[in-house]
């Protein structure tokens, strides 16, 4: 579909979904964002749903301002994917050992490594860039510097919620590795600190929603936030790269006879800020649950733990600020999913997938998410599909 335009106070709201299908809370959030004096554009992806701070599945383009709560507390959250030389014929009948080996190598939930991962022992890891990241840690907000050791130990860990590691098969029976994670606790604490600073600034006192408090250009508060934001985005990317390297090591060891090779890694943020130029203006573009989809740019759009993931290439649609959805998007809250579904429902909906099937992940049940195929159909003018993947192992925190 093309987009539908809904009137907004400062800018029209371009929606790649039926506005009538969007819940009232999310529409109110979008209308509130459209009141901001600094806003120059607002695009809404087909996975749109109510979110903390700002609507998930929204692309907010502002001139000389950025809203830290719109970015969210998982700064730099995103996806990575790697195609392997393995095929379905290489897989064992019992996948439980492979899942167990992955969980032993990569801490999940609130877990962390006993000591920081040494990137020097990881295949092809950019150690110079990693060292540079930590050399700049003294420049982040003083309030969170005491978390340095924890952040170092959490690099290369999964987290919980909708974060996951999956082994998948494409339509040709080729195995792909995919994973979803962000900046862990250090990103959360940096975000919460700066959201608090923004909400106390005088220019934010008259906003319709205190979550829309912004930093404005040429102020020390904006400079401090941008410094920490970009540091956390880089940390998130490294976190995924370390996990992927650890995952590859597990696969190499478990499939020694196959002498596994790996294609280049695809990686994309979907909670982040980037400076981009549109209509002759330099704009700070916040993608809250959305990926960049520049012409030919690879991206990853997952469904849920029982459905499909799509590898895509961007088509470069300026009206969407060169963006696409970050996934299927929730159609009910976590609490609603827990009330409605049981572990028996989870078992049925994840049949054929080696994964957790207990009450701790019922809120991640596939039925709590929108149909991914429908979401993909709504953004045919934003991305083209390169591969469709189906998981056979899913590791969650």
Protein backbone atom coordinates (compact mmCIF):
# COMPACT_ATOMS: atom_id res chain seq x y z
CA UNK A 1 0.00 0.00 0.00
CA UNK A 2 0.97 3.62 -0.24
CA UNK A 3 0.52 5.85 2.77
CA UNK A 4 -2.62 7.46 4.16
CA UNK A 5 -2.28 11.04 5.38
CA UNK A 6 -3.93 12.06 8.65
CA UNK A 7 -3.99 15.76 9.65
CA UNK A 8 -1.68 16.81 12.50
CA UNK A 9 -1.15 20.11 14.30
CA UNK A 10 2.27 20.96 12.81
CA UNK A 11 2.71 18.28 10.13
CA UNK A 12 0.52 15.66 8.47
CA UNK A 13 0.93 12.10 9.78
CA UNK A 14 1.82 9.71 6.97
CA UNK A 15 0.60 6.22 7.84
CA UNK A 16 1.53 2.95 6.11
CA UNK A 17 -1.46 1.25 7.71
CA UNK A 18 -5.18 1.79 8.12
CA UNK A 19 -5.60 4.61 10.70
CA UNK A 20 -8.84 2.99 11.88
CA UNK A 21 -6.89 -0.13 12.90
CA UNK A 22 -4.55 1.81 15.23
CA UNK A 23 -5.51 1.78 18.90
CA UNK A 24 -6.65 5.05 20.45
CA UNK A 25 -3.64 5.36 22.75
CA UNK A 26 -1.19 5.14 19.86
CA UNK A 27 -3.16 7.68 17.80
CA UNK A 28 -3.12 10.10 20.72
CA UNK A 29 0.65 9.68 20.99
CA UNK A 30 1.07 10.39 17.27
CA UNK A 31 -1.15 13.47 17.44
CA UNK A 32 0.85 14.71 20.44
CA UNK A 33 4.15 14.24 18.58
CA UNK A 34 2.71 16.24 15.68
CA UNK A 35 2.24 19.25 18.01
CA UNK A 36 5.97 19.68 18.68
CA UNK A 37 7.25 23.04 17.36
CA UNK A 38 10.45 21.46 16.01
CA UNK A 39 8.83 18.65 14.02
CA UNK A 40 9.22 18.57 10.23
CA UNK A 41 7.72 15.18 9.48
CA UNK A 42 6.12 12.08 11.01
CA UNK A 43 5.88 8.69 9.28
CA UNK A 44 4.10 5.69 10.77
CA UNK A 45 5.02 2.12 9.90
CA UNK A 46 2.56 -0.81 9.62
CA UNK A 47 3.78 -2.35 12.90
CA UNK A 48 2.60 0.73 14.81
CA UNK A 49 1.40 0.33 18.39
CA UNK A 50 1.35 2.21 21.69
CA UNK A 51 4.75 2.56 23.31
CA UNK A 52 6.42 4.04 26.34
CA UNK A 53 7.56 7.58 25.56
CA UNK A 54 6.47 7.52 21.93
CA UNK A 55 4.63 5.28 19.50
CA UNK A 56 6.45 2.15 18.40
CA UNK A 57 6.70 2.09 14.62
CA UNK A 58 7.10 5.86 14.24
CA UNK A 59 9.72 7.93 12.41
CA UNK A 60 10.04 11.42 13.86
CA UNK A 61 12.01 14.03 11.91
CA UNK A 62 12.86 17.21 13.82
CA UNK A 63 15.02 20.21 13.07
CA UNK A 64 17.43 21.21 15.81
CA UNK A 65 15.82 19.01 18.46
CA UNK A 66 15.63 15.43 19.69
CA UNK A 67 13.28 13.74 22.16
CA UNK A 68 15.13 11.21 24.39
CA UNK A 69 11.94 9.43 25.52
CA UNK A 70 10.97 8.93 21.87
CA UNK A 71 14.26 7.13 21.28
CA UNK A 72 13.44 5.04 24.32
CA UNK A 73 15.48 3.30 26.99
CA UNK A 74 16.90 0.55 24.78
CA UNK A 75 19.10 2.87 22.74
CA UNK A 76 20.42 1.19 19.61
CA UNK A 77 18.22 -1.90 19.89
CA UNK A 78 18.25 -3.77 16.61
CA UNK A 79 18.86 -6.94 14.64
CA UNK A 80 21.76 -8.88 13.13
CA UNK A 81 21.64 -11.75 10.64
CA UNK A 82 24.21 -13.99 8.97
CA UNK A 83 23.70 -16.55 6.20
CA UNK A 84 25.69 -19.77 6.69
CA UNK A 85 26.84 -22.59 4.41
CA UNK A 86 24.78 -25.11 6.42
CA UNK A 87 21.55 -26.57 5.09
CA UNK A 88 18.62 -28.41 6.64
CA UNK A 89 20.35 -31.70 5.78
CA UNK A 90 23.18 -30.85 8.20
CA UNK A 91 20.87 -30.49 11.19
CA UNK A 92 20.52 -33.15 13.90
CA UNK A 93 17.15 -34.70 14.69
CA UNK A 94 17.35 -33.46 18.29
CA UNK A 95 17.98 -29.70 18.46
CA UNK A 96 17.98 -29.42 22.25
CA UNK A 97 21.77 -29.85 22.56
CA UNK A 98 22.42 -27.03 20.09
CA UNK A 99 20.03 -24.72 21.92
CA UNK A 100 21.71 -25.61 25.23
CA UNK A 101 25.18 -24.85 23.83
CA UNK A 102 23.98 -21.43 22.67
CA UNK A 103 22.52 -20.64 26.10
CA UNK A 104 25.80 -21.69 27.74
CA UNK A 105 27.85 -19.40 25.49
CA UNK A 106 25.61 -16.32 25.61
CA UNK A 107 24.06 -15.13 28.89
CA UNK A 108 20.34 -14.35 28.67
CA UNK A 109 17.88 -12.39 30.80
CA UNK A 110 19.69 -10.20 33.31
CA UNK A 111 22.77 -12.38 33.08
CA UNK A 112 26.27 -11.26 32.17
CA UNK A 113 29.64 -12.82 31.47
CA UNK A 114 31.81 -13.63 34.51
CA UNK A 115 34.47 -11.39 32.97
CA UNK A 116 34.36 -9.17 29.87
CA UNK A 117 34.63 -11.03 26.57
CA UNK A 118 38.10 -10.63 25.05
CA UNK A 119 37.38 -9.47 21.49
CA UNK A 120 40.88 -10.50 20.49
CA UNK A 121 39.81 -14.14 20.59
CA UNK A 122 36.77 -13.60 18.37
CA UNK A 123 36.99 -14.29 14.65
CA UNK A 124 37.31 -11.09 12.61
CA UNK A 125 36.29 -8.71 15.40
CA UNK A 126 37.29 -5.02 15.08
CA UNK A 127 39.28 -4.71 18.30
CA UNK A 128 40.59 -1.19 17.54
CA UNK A 129 37.05 0.22 17.31
CA UNK A 130 36.09 -1.67 20.48
CA UNK A 131 39.03 -0.20 22.37
CA UNK A 132 38.14 3.26 21.11
CA UNK A 133 34.57 2.86 22.40
CA UNK A 134 35.81 2.19 25.91
CA UNK A 135 38.40 4.95 25.71
CA UNK A 136 35.44 7.34 25.35
CA UNK A 137 33.48 5.96 28.30
CA UNK A 138 34.88 8.63 30.64
CA UNK A 139 32.99 11.15 28.53
CA UNK A 140 29.49 9.79 29.26
CA UNK A 141 27.23 11.17 32.00
CA UNK A 142 29.00 11.08 35.34
CA UNK A 143 25.85 9.69 36.97
CA UNK A 144 26.27 6.33 35.20
CA UNK A 145 30.07 5.95 35.00
CA UNK A 146 30.05 3.60 37.97
CA UNK A 147 28.36 1.06 35.66
CA UNK A 148 31.48 0.59 33.51
CA UNK A 149 32.33 -2.88 34.85
CA UNK A 150 28.74 -4.10 34.50
CA UNK A 151 28.51 -2.72 30.96
CA UNK A 152 31.74 -4.45 29.99
CA UNK A 153 30.46 -7.79 31.33
CA UNK A 154 27.08 -7.35 29.61
CA UNK A 155 28.63 -6.82 26.19
CA UNK A 156 27.76 -9.94 24.24
CA UNK A 157 24.58 -10.77 26.23
CA UNK A 158 20.97 -11.06 25.15
CA UNK A 159 18.67 -9.49 27.73
CA UNK A 160 14.98 -10.40 28.03
CA UNK A 161 11.57 -9.31 26.74
CA UNK A 162 11.38 -9.58 22.96
CA UNK A 163 15.13 -10.10 22.55
CA UNK A 164 16.16 -13.43 21.10
CA UNK A 165 18.69 -15.56 19.23
CA UNK A 166 17.37 -17.76 16.43
CA UNK A 167 18.57 -20.33 13.97
CA UNK A 168 16.38 -20.24 10.89
CA UNK A 169 15.93 -21.78 7.46
CA UNK A 170 15.22 -19.85 4.28
CA UNK A 171 13.00 -21.12 1.45
CA UNK A 172 15.98 -22.94 -0.10
CA UNK A 173 16.77 -24.79 3.12
CA UNK A 174 19.83 -22.68 4.01
CA UNK A 175 20.55 -21.95 7.68
CA UNK A 176 20.70 -18.33 8.87
CA UNK A 177 21.67 -17.00 12.29
CA UNK A 178 19.62 -14.06 13.58
CA UNK A 179 19.53 -12.14 16.85
CA UNK A 180 17.81 -9.17 18.42
CA UNK A 181 19.21 -7.06 21.27
CA UNK A 182 20.30 -3.56 22.24
CA UNK A 183 22.39 -1.55 24.69
CA UNK A 184 21.45 -3.54 27.79
CA UNK A 185 21.44 -1.83 31.20
CA UNK A 186 23.96 0.88 30.31
CA UNK A 187 21.70 2.18 27.52
CA UNK A 188 18.71 2.12 29.84
CA UNK A 189 20.47 4.11 32.57
CA UNK A 190 21.87 6.67 30.14
CA UNK A 191 18.41 7.13 28.62
CA UNK A 192 16.64 7.49 31.96
CA UNK A 193 19.20 10.03 33.16
CA UNK A 194 18.79 12.24 30.08
CA UNK A 195 14.99 11.90 29.99
CA UNK A 196 14.98 13.27 33.53
CA UNK A 197 17.21 16.19 32.53
CA UNK A 198 15.01 17.03 29.53
CA UNK A 199 11.80 17.00 31.54
CA UNK A 200 13.16 19.64 33.91
CA UNK A 201 14.13 22.13 31.18
CA UNK A 202 12.00 25.31 31.06
CA UNK A 203 11.13 25.09 27.34
CA UNK A 204 9.45 21.69 27.93
CA UNK A 205 7.03 22.76 30.66
CA UNK A 206 4.11 23.57 28.35
CA UNK A 207 4.13 20.37 26.28
CA UNK A 208 0.99 18.25 25.97
CA UNK A 209 2.93 15.19 27.15
CA UNK A 210 5.96 15.34 29.47
CA UNK A 211 7.38 12.29 27.65
CA UNK A 212 7.90 14.54 24.63
CA UNK A 213 10.47 16.73 26.40
CA UNK A 214 13.25 17.59 23.95
CA UNK A 215 16.80 18.83 23.89
CA UNK A 216 17.43 21.69 21.46
CA UNK A 217 20.48 22.44 19.34
CA UNK A 218 23.41 24.52 20.59
CA UNK A 219 22.82 23.76 24.26
CA UNK A 220 25.10 21.84 26.64
CA UNK A 221 22.26 19.43 27.46
CA UNK A 222 21.84 18.55 23.78
CA UNK A 223 25.57 18.06 23.33
CA UNK A 224 25.75 15.79 26.38
CA UNK A 225 22.79 13.70 25.22
CA UNK A 226 24.10 13.30 21.68
CA UNK A 227 27.46 12.18 23.03
CA UNK A 228 25.88 9.50 25.23
CA UNK A 229 23.25 8.54 22.63
CA UNK A 230 25.84 7.82 19.95
CA UNK A 231 28.07 5.99 22.43
CA UNK A 232 25.16 3.74 23.45
CA UNK A 233 24.17 3.12 19.82
CA UNK A 234 27.72 1.98 19.11
CA UNK A 235 27.74 -0.20 22.23
CA UNK A 236 24.50 -1.83 21.07
CA UNK A 237 25.98 -2.66 17.68
CA UNK A 238 29.07 -4.15 19.33
CA UNK A 239 26.86 -6.11 21.71
CA UNK A 240 25.19 -7.78 18.75
CA UNK A 241 28.50 -8.32 16.96
CA UNK A 242 30.02 -10.04 20.00
CA UNK A 243 26.94 -12.24 20.39
CA UNK A 244 27.06 -13.14 16.72
CA UNK A 245 30.75 -14.04 17.00
CA UNK A 246 30.01 -16.25 20.03
CA UNK A 247 27.08 -17.83 18.18
CA UNK A 248 29.29 -18.57 15.17
CA UNK A 249 31.81 -20.25 17.48
CA UNK A 250 29.08 -22.53 18.84
CA UNK A 251 27.98 -23.42 15.30
CA UNK A 252 31.56 -24.10 14.19
CA UNK A 253 32.12 -26.49 17.10
CA UNK A 254 28.79 -28.29 16.70
CA UNK A 255 29.20 -28.73 12.94
CA UNK A 256 32.95 -29.37 12.68
CA UNK A 257 32.60 -31.84 9.82
CA UNK A 258 30.66 -29.34 7.72
CA UNK A 259 33.45 -26.71 7.92
CA UNK A 260 30.90 -23.92 8.17
CA UNK A 261 31.42 -20.61 6.40
CA UNK A 262 29.52 -17.39 6.99
CA UNK A 263 28.37 -14.56 4.73
CA UNK A 264 28.92 -10.92 5.79
CA UNK A 265 26.81 -9.82 8.74
CA UNK A 266 23.69 -7.72 8.19
CA UNK A 267 23.02 -5.36 11.10
CA UNK A 268 20.42 -2.64 11.62
CA UNK A 269 19.31 -0.47 14.53
CA UNK A 270 15.60 0.10 15.05
CA UNK A 271 15.62 2.41 18.13
CA UNK A 272 18.00 5.22 17.28
CA UNK A 273 18.72 8.73 15.98
CA UNK A 274 20.53 9.71 12.81
CA UNK A 275 21.27 13.07 11.16
CA UNK A 276 19.79 13.02 7.64
CA UNK A 277 18.94 15.56 4.96
CA UNK A 278 15.45 16.00 3.51
CA UNK A 279 14.02 18.87 1.43
CA UNK A 280 17.19 20.89 1.91
CA UNK A 281 17.11 20.59 5.71
CA UNK A 282 19.40 18.70 8.09
CA UNK A 283 17.01 16.76 10.33
CA UNK A 284 17.49 14.56 13.38
CA UNK A 285 15.50 11.46 12.48
CA UNK A 286 14.38 9.27 15.38
CA UNK A 287 13.34 5.76 14.40
CA UNK A 288 11.34 4.29 17.28
CA UNK A 289 10.71 0.73 16.17
CA UNK A 290 11.69 1.37 12.54
CA UNK A 291 14.71 0.61 10.36
CA UNK A 292 16.53 2.61 7.74
CA UNK A 293 15.52 1.52 4.23
CA UNK A 294 17.75 3.51 1.88
CA UNK A 295 17.92 2.23 -1.72
CA UNK A 296 19.63 -1.18 -1.69
CA UNK A 297 20.27 -1.13 2.07
CA UNK A 298 19.84 -4.51 3.75
CA UNK A 299 17.53 -4.77 6.72
CA UNK A 300 15.86 -7.36 8.96
CA UNK A 301 12.15 -7.43 9.82
CA UNK A 302 11.15 -10.23 12.24
CA UNK A 303 7.74 -11.56 13.18
CA UNK A 304 7.55 -13.51 16.44
CA UNK A 305 8.97 -16.67 18.01
CA UNK A 306 6.68 -18.87 15.93
CA UNK A 307 6.50 -17.03 12.61
CA UNK A 308 8.76 -15.66 9.88
CA UNK A 309 11.62 -13.17 9.61
CA UNK A 310 12.27 -11.21 6.43
CA UNK A 311 15.61 -10.11 5.04
CA UNK A 312 14.89 -7.03 2.93
CA UNK A 313 16.45 -4.35 0.77
CA UNK A 314 15.31 -0.76 1.07
CA UNK A 315 13.55 1.01 -1.80
CA UNK A 316 14.38 4.51 -0.60
CA UNK A 317 10.99 6.16 -0.05
CA UNK A 318 11.53 9.78 1.00
CA UNK A 319 7.92 10.12 2.19
CA UNK A 320 8.76 7.53 4.87
CA UNK A 321 12.13 9.18 5.54
CA UNK A 322 13.69 6.09 3.92
CA UNK A 323 12.32 3.82 6.64
CA UNK A 324 10.43 0.55 7.13
CA UNK A 325 8.91 -1.38 10.02
CA UNK A 326 11.13 -3.01 12.64
CA UNK A 327 8.97 -6.11 12.99
CA UNK A 328 5.38 -7.30 13.17
CA UNK A 329 4.46 -5.06 16.09
CA UNK A 330 2.38 -6.06 19.10
CA UNK A 331 -1.39 -6.21 18.83
CA UNK A 332 -1.88 -6.60 22.57
CA UNK A 333 0.11 -5.66 25.67
CA UNK A 334 2.23 -8.13 27.59
CA UNK A 335 -0.22 -8.16 30.49
CA UNK A 336 -3.15 -8.77 28.13
CA UNK A 337 -1.29 -11.66 26.49
CA UNK A 338 -0.61 -13.25 29.87
CA UNK A 339 -4.28 -13.00 30.80
CA UNK A 340 -5.51 -14.40 27.51
CA UNK A 341 -3.09 -17.22 26.70
CA UNK A 342 -1.74 -20.31 28.46
CA UNK A 343 1.41 -22.38 28.13
CA UNK A 344 -0.68 -24.89 26.15
CA UNK A 345 -1.45 -22.11 23.64
CA UNK A 346 2.27 -21.28 23.50
CA UNK A 347 3.16 -24.90 22.83
CA UNK A 348 0.69 -25.07 19.95
CA UNK A 349 1.82 -21.81 18.39
CA UNK A 350 5.52 -22.67 18.58
CA UNK A 351 5.17 -26.26 17.40
CA UNK A 352 8.29 -27.37 15.58
CA UNK A 353 10.47 -24.72 17.24
CA UNK A 354 13.04 -25.72 19.87
CA UNK A 355 12.43 -22.98 22.44
CA UNK A 356 11.12 -22.12 25.89
CA UNK A 357 7.45 -22.99 26.26
CA UNK A 358 6.89 -21.93 29.87
CA UNK A 359 4.81 -19.23 31.56
CA UNK A 360 7.77 -16.83 31.58
CA UNK A 361 7.46 -16.25 27.83
CA UNK A 362 3.69 -16.46 27.31
CA UNK A 363 3.69 -12.69 26.72
CA UNK A 364 5.84 -13.37 23.64
CA UNK A 365 3.34 -15.81 22.12
CA UNK A 366 2.94 -15.31 18.34
CA UNK A 367 -0.76 -14.37 18.68
CA UNK A 368 0.26 -11.31 20.72
CA UNK A 369 1.82 -9.90 17.54
CA UNK A 370 0.34 -8.68 14.27
CA UNK A 371 0.56 -11.07 11.28
CA UNK A 372 4.00 -10.42 9.83
CA UNK A 373 2.92 -11.25 6.26
CA UNK A 374 0.23 -8.58 6.44
CA UNK A 375 2.73 -6.05 7.80
CA UNK A 376 5.08 -6.83 4.92
CA UNK A 377 2.29 -6.43 2.37
CA UNK A 378 1.57 -2.93 3.70
CA UNK A 379 5.13 -1.74 3.03
CA UNK A 380 5.74 -2.98 -0.50
CA UNK A 381 6.74 0.57 -1.49
CA UNK A 382 9.33 0.72 1.31
CA UNK A 383 11.28 -2.56 0.95
CA UNK A 384 11.71 -5.57 -1.30
CA UNK A 385 12.03 -9.06 0.16
CA UNK A 386 15.38 -10.83 -0.27
CA UNK A 387 14.71 -13.91 1.87
CA UNK A 388 11.98 -15.30 4.11
CA UNK A 389 13.23 -17.21 7.16
CA UNK A 390 11.51 -19.63 9.55
CA UNK A 391 13.06 -20.40 12.92
CA UNK A 392 13.77 -23.91 14.21
CA UNK A 393 15.60 -22.77 17.37
CA UNK A 394 14.66 -19.72 19.42
CA UNK A 395 16.58 -18.68 22.55
CA UNK A 396 14.92 -16.11 24.81
CA UNK A 397 15.82 -14.60 28.16
